[in-house]
Amino acid sequence: MGKTFINPSNASFESKLLTPREVAEYLSLGRSTVYLLIKNGDLPSIRIGRSVRVNPLDLEEYIELNTTRGFSLK
């Protein structure tokens, strides 16, 4: 069994991996809140060396799982 490599020309990536800053901007949160979500395991992340990235599909799933409907603002 050999190693499997991803060929970028035929990979079906939704988008590039997001930085915590990009996630924070998208969610209108602070970066520290995003890091807390990652640390607590609420938002999956990928560590590449010392860098942290978030898959856009994981962010989309996080949003869907945390969307509430029908609550009162009173």
N, C-alpha and C. Protein backbone atom coordinates (compact mmCIF):
# COMPACT_ATOMS: atom_id res chain seq x y z
N MET A 1 0.83 -1.19 0.00
CA MET A 1 0.00 0.00 0.00
C MET A 1 0.88 1.24 0.00
N GLY A 2 0.68 2.08 -0.96
CA GLY A 2 1.45 3.31 -1.04
C GLY A 2 0.70 4.47 -0.42
N LYS A 3 1.36 5.58 -0.38
CA LYS A 3 0.74 6.79 0.16
C LYS A 3 -0.21 7.37 -0.88
N THR A 4 -1.25 7.98 -0.40
CA THR A 4 -2.20 8.65 -1.28
C THR A 4 -1.94 10.15 -1.21
N PHE A 5 -1.78 10.76 -2.36
CA PHE A 5 -1.54 12.19 -2.42
C PHE A 5 -2.72 12.86 -3.10
N ILE A 6 -3.03 14.05 -2.64
CA ILE A 6 -4.10 14.83 -3.25
C ILE A 6 -3.53 15.60 -4.42
N ASN A 7 -4.14 15.44 -5.55
CA ASN A 7 -3.74 16.19 -6.73
C ASN A 7 -4.61 17.45 -6.78
N PRO A 8 -4.01 18.62 -6.55
CA PRO A 8 -4.80 19.86 -6.50
C PRO A 8 -5.64 20.12 -7.75
N SER A 9 -5.21 19.60 -8.91
CA SER A 9 -5.95 19.88 -10.13
C SER A 9 -7.28 19.14 -10.18
N ASN A 10 -7.39 18.00 -9.44
CA ASN A 10 -8.66 17.29 -9.49
C ASN A 10 -9.33 17.19 -8.12
N ALA A 11 -8.79 17.86 -7.12
CA ALA A 11 -9.39 17.85 -5.79
C ALA A 11 -10.63 18.74 -5.80
N SER A 12 -11.65 18.32 -5.07
CA SER A 12 -12.89 19.09 -5.05
C SER A 12 -13.01 19.85 -3.73
N PHE A 13 -12.11 20.77 -3.51
CA PHE A 13 -12.16 21.58 -2.30
C PHE A 13 -13.22 22.66 -2.48
N GLU A 14 -14.03 22.86 -1.43
CA GLU A 14 -15.02 23.93 -1.45
C GLU A 14 -14.33 25.28 -1.55
N SER A 15 -13.32 25.44 -0.73
CA SER A 15 -12.62 26.71 -0.65
C SER A 15 -11.32 26.49 0.09
N LYS A 16 -10.56 27.53 0.26
CA LYS A 16 -9.32 27.41 1.02
C LYS A 16 -9.62 27.29 2.50
N LEU A 17 -8.64 26.82 3.24
CA LEU A 17 -8.78 26.77 4.70
C LEU A 17 -8.79 28.19 5.24
N LEU A 18 -9.55 28.41 6.30
CA LEU A 18 -9.71 29.74 6.87
C LEU A 18 -8.82 29.93 8.09
N THR A 19 -8.31 31.13 8.26
CA THR A 19 -7.56 31.47 9.46
C THR A 19 -8.56 31.81 10.57
N PRO A 20 -8.13 31.73 11.82
CA PRO A 20 -9.02 32.16 12.91
C PRO A 20 -9.51 33.60 12.73
N ARG A 21 -8.68 34.46 12.19
CA ARG A 21 -9.09 35.85 11.94
C ARG A 21 -10.25 35.90 10.93
N GLU A 22 -10.16 35.12 9.86
CA GLU A 22 -11.23 35.09 8.86
C GLU A 22 -12.52 34.53 9.45
N VAL A 23 -12.39 33.49 10.28
CA VAL A 23 -13.57 32.92 10.95
C VAL A 23 -14.19 33.97 11.87
N ALA A 24 -13.36 34.67 12.62
CA ALA A 24 -13.84 35.71 13.53
C ALA A 24 -14.59 36.80 12.77
N GLU A 25 -14.03 37.24 11.66
CA GLU A 25 -14.68 38.28 10.86
C GLU A 25 -16.02 37.78 10.32
N TYR A 26 -16.05 36.54 9.85
CA TYR A 26 -17.26 35.97 9.27
C TYR A 26 -18.37 35.87 10.32
N LEU A 27 -18.00 35.47 11.54
CA LEU A 27 -18.99 35.29 12.61
C LEU A 27 -19.21 36.56 13.44
N SER A 28 -18.49 37.63 13.13
CA SER A 28 -18.54 38.88 13.91
C SER A 28 -18.19 38.62 15.37
N LEU A 29 -17.11 37.87 15.57
CA LEU A 29 -16.60 37.55 16.90
C LEU A 29 -15.16 37.99 17.00
N GLY A 30 -14.64 38.00 18.20
CA GLY A 30 -13.22 38.25 18.40
C GLY A 30 -12.41 36.99 18.12
N ARG A 31 -11.14 37.17 17.79
CA ARG A 31 -10.28 36.01 17.54
C ARG A 31 -10.16 35.13 18.77
N SER A 32 -10.12 35.74 19.94
CA SER A 32 -9.98 34.94 21.17
C SER A 32 -11.19 34.03 21.35
N THR A 33 -12.36 34.47 20.94
CA THR A 33 -13.56 33.63 21.03
C THR A 33 -13.45 32.45 20.08
N VAL A 34 -12.93 32.69 18.89
CA VAL A 34 -12.73 31.61 17.93
C VAL A 34 -11.73 30.59 18.48
N TYR A 35 -10.63 31.08 19.05
CA TYR A 35 -9.65 30.16 19.64
C TYR A 35 -10.27 29.37 20.79
N LEU A 36 -11.17 29.99 21.54
CA LEU A 36 -11.85 29.29 22.64
C LEU A 36 -12.77 28.19 22.09
N LEU A 37 -13.49 28.49 21.01
CA LEU A 37 -14.33 27.48 20.37
C LEU A 37 -13.50 26.29 19.90
N ILE A 38 -12.33 26.59 19.35
CA ILE A 38 -11.42 25.54 18.88
C ILE A 38 -10.89 24.74 20.07
N LYS A 39 -10.44 25.44 21.09
CA LYS A 39 -9.86 24.79 22.28
C LYS A 39 -10.87 23.87 22.95
N ASN A 40 -12.13 24.31 23.04
CA ASN A 40 -13.19 23.52 23.68
C ASN A 40 -13.69 22.37 22.80
N GLY A 41 -13.23 22.32 21.55
CA GLY A 41 -13.66 21.26 20.65
C GLY A 41 -14.99 21.53 19.96
N ASP A 42 -15.50 22.74 20.12
CA ASP A 42 -16.77 23.09 19.47
C ASP A 42 -16.61 23.32 17.97
N LEU A 43 -15.46 23.82 17.58
CA LEU A 43 -15.16 24.10 16.17
C LEU A 43 -13.92 23.31 15.78
N PRO A 44 -14.06 22.31 14.91
CA PRO A 44 -12.89 21.53 14.50
C PRO A 44 -11.86 22.41 13.80
N SER A 45 -10.60 22.06 13.98
CA SER A 45 -9.53 22.83 13.35
C SER A 45 -8.44 21.90 12.88
N ILE A 46 -7.56 22.46 12.09
CA ILE A 46 -6.40 21.75 11.56
C ILE A 46 -5.17 22.52 11.99
N ARG A 47 -4.23 21.83 12.59
CA ARG A 47 -2.98 22.47 12.99
C ARG A 47 -1.91 22.11 11.96
N ILE A 48 -1.27 23.13 11.43
CA ILE A 48 -0.18 22.96 10.47
C ILE A 48 1.01 23.69 11.07
N GLY A 49 1.90 22.92 11.69
CA GLY A 49 3.00 23.54 12.43
C GLY A 49 2.42 24.33 13.59
N ARG A 50 2.72 25.61 13.63
CA ARG A 50 2.17 26.48 14.68
C ARG A 50 0.91 27.21 14.24
N SER A 51 0.51 27.00 13.00
CA SER A 51 -0.67 27.67 12.46
C SER A 51 -1.93 26.84 12.69
N VAL A 52 -3.04 27.53 12.84
CA VAL A 52 -4.34 26.88 13.00
C VAL A 52 -5.23 27.30 11.83
N ARG A 53 -5.92 26.35 11.25
CA ARG A 53 -6.83 26.63 10.15
C ARG A 53 -8.15 25.92 10.38
N VAL A 54 -9.21 26.45 9.77
CA VAL A 54 -10.54 25.86 9.89
C VAL A 54 -11.06 25.56 8.49
N ASN A 55 -11.56 24.35 8.33
CA ASN A 55 -12.16 23.96 7.06
C ASN A 55 -13.51 24.68 6.93
N PRO A 56 -13.77 25.32 5.79
CA PRO A 56 -15.04 26.03 5.62
C PRO A 56 -16.26 25.13 5.82
N LEU A 57 -16.14 23.85 5.47
CA LEU A 57 -17.26 22.93 5.67
C LEU A 57 -17.52 22.69 7.15
N ASP A 58 -16.46 22.66 7.96
CA ASP A 58 -16.63 22.53 9.41
C ASP A 58 -17.28 23.78 9.99
N LEU A 59 -16.92 24.95 9.47
CA LEU A 59 -17.53 26.19 9.93
C LEU A 59 -19.02 26.20 9.58
N GLU A 60 -19.34 25.77 8.37
CA GLU A 60 -20.74 25.71 7.94
C GLU A 60 -21.54 24.77 8.85
N GLU A 61 -20.95 23.61 9.17
CA GLU A 61 -21.63 22.66 10.05
C GLU A 61 -21.81 23.23 11.46
N TYR A 62 -20.79 23.93 11.95
CA TYR A 62 -20.88 24.57 13.27
C TYR A 62 -22.04 25.56 13.30
N ILE A 63 -22.16 26.35 12.25
CA ILE A 63 -23.24 27.34 12.18
C ILE A 63 -24.60 26.64 12.15
N GLU A 64 -24.73 25.59 11.34
CA GLU A 64 -26.00 24.86 11.25
C GLU A 64 -26.38 24.24 12.59
N LEU A 65 -25.41 23.65 13.28
CA LEU A 65 -25.68 23.00 14.57
C LEU A 65 -26.04 23.99 15.67
N ASN A 66 -25.59 25.23 15.52
CA ASN A 66 -25.82 26.23 16.56
C ASN A 66 -26.87 27.26 16.18
N THR A 67 -27.59 27.00 15.10
CA THR A 67 -28.67 27.89 14.69
C THR A 67 -29.93 27.50 15.45
N THR A 68 -30.54 28.46 16.12
CA THR A 68 -31.78 28.21 16.85
C THR A 68 -32.92 28.89 16.12
N ARG A 69 -34.08 28.30 16.25
CA ARG A 69 -35.26 28.85 15.59
C ARG A 69 -36.38 29.00 16.61
N GLY A 70 -37.11 30.06 16.49
CA GLY A 70 -38.32 30.23 17.26
C GLY A 70 -38.17 30.62 18.71
N PHE A 71 -37.07 31.28 19.07
CA PHE A 71 -36.98 31.74 20.45
C PHE A 71 -37.35 33.22 20.51
N SER A 72 -37.83 33.62 21.66
CA SER A 72 -38.29 35.00 21.85
C SER A 72 -37.13 35.88 22.31
N LEU A 73 -37.08 37.09 21.81
CA LEU A 73 -36.05 38.05 22.20
C LEU A 73 -36.49 38.87 23.41
N LYS A 74 -37.65 38.57 23.98
CA LYS A 74 -38.16 39.33 25.13
C LYS A 74 -37.36 39.07 26.37
